[in-house]
Amino acid sequence: MAVHPSRRPPVPASASSRGGHAALRRATRWHWSDGLVSRTYASGRLLVTLLVGLLASGAAAAMSPPPEPPNPDRFAMARARLLQEIAEDVVQTSSYLGARRLDEKVMQALAQVPRERFVPANLRDQAYRNHPLPIGHGQTISQPYIVAIMSDLIGIQPGERVYELGTGSGYQAAVLGTMGAEVYSVEIVPELAERAAATLAELGLDRVQVRPGDGYLGWPEAAPFDAIIITAAGPRVPQPLVEQLRVGGRLVMPLGESYETQELVVFTKQADGSLSKRSVLPVRFVPITGERMR
């Protein structure tokens, strides 16, 4: 470590003016050219001790293994495995789906959305298992395969407007928002609506709007919708949602009675306001709640 110039050693009093200046120049050259070595002018033993210590420290540091790099996403491998499982399940159910692969936008969104953020903290290690998980209040986060299928079936493009009945954890809405849709989602359980809205905001998904309420009524001020997705089972399509769907738009929902095997169905709105129906595959969903569906 170089010594500040103000601390340079004084010229000995016995030196002549010229000799003193020469000695000062020599001391200065020695001092500034050799850094630590210049300390030998004051104390050779101290320098040797310092140098030996520094060399020993440097050798130890050189032999030590480099620190482990931080892992910014400890779920990355689990997420990749899940995507592979979904792709395999799509192939196995292609006779139902009518396709052997999903829209690439769907798979990219699933790869980007951190599902662990939408499940309770004590279940995060299970976030990338391909099955539903409880989220409280008698509700679940849907199986990732089902989220992928429903996101594909509504056939949306970036910028299109989607209504979701049943926000739940917010995961389905996050996938749709990541695909570029404008999402309007209603959740009947206020606590779930608040939690989902907070998680979506933390992830910067400002394309998704969530509010508490009875999803049966839709979101009239944001209609018409290019697509509607219903994430709970019911015996019929809520009529207000039929009215809020544009002509040519798709509505996807599990159709059937509560706690029985239901059918995942795609409805397409016709010019006369009626709905054409296509059954896709058998599923099991929690029921739509609210007085109007009883």
Foldseek 3Di string as FASTA:
>chain_A
DADPPVPQDAQDPPADPVRSVVVSVVLVCLRVVPPLVSCVVPPPVVSVVVVVVVVVVVVVVVPDDDDDDDDPDPCLVLLVVLLVVLLVVLCVQCVLVVDSGFDPLLSVLSNPDQQLLLADVVCSVVSSPQQWDDRDPPFIDGGSSVLSSLLRLQPDAAAFEEEEEACQSVRSVSSNLSSRYQYEYEHQDQVNQVNNVVSCVVVVSPSYDYDYDQCLQPDQVPFQGLEYEYQFEAQDRRPNNLVRHDQQGKYWYFHDDAPDWTWTKIWGAHPVSDTDIDTRDIDHGHHRDDDVRD
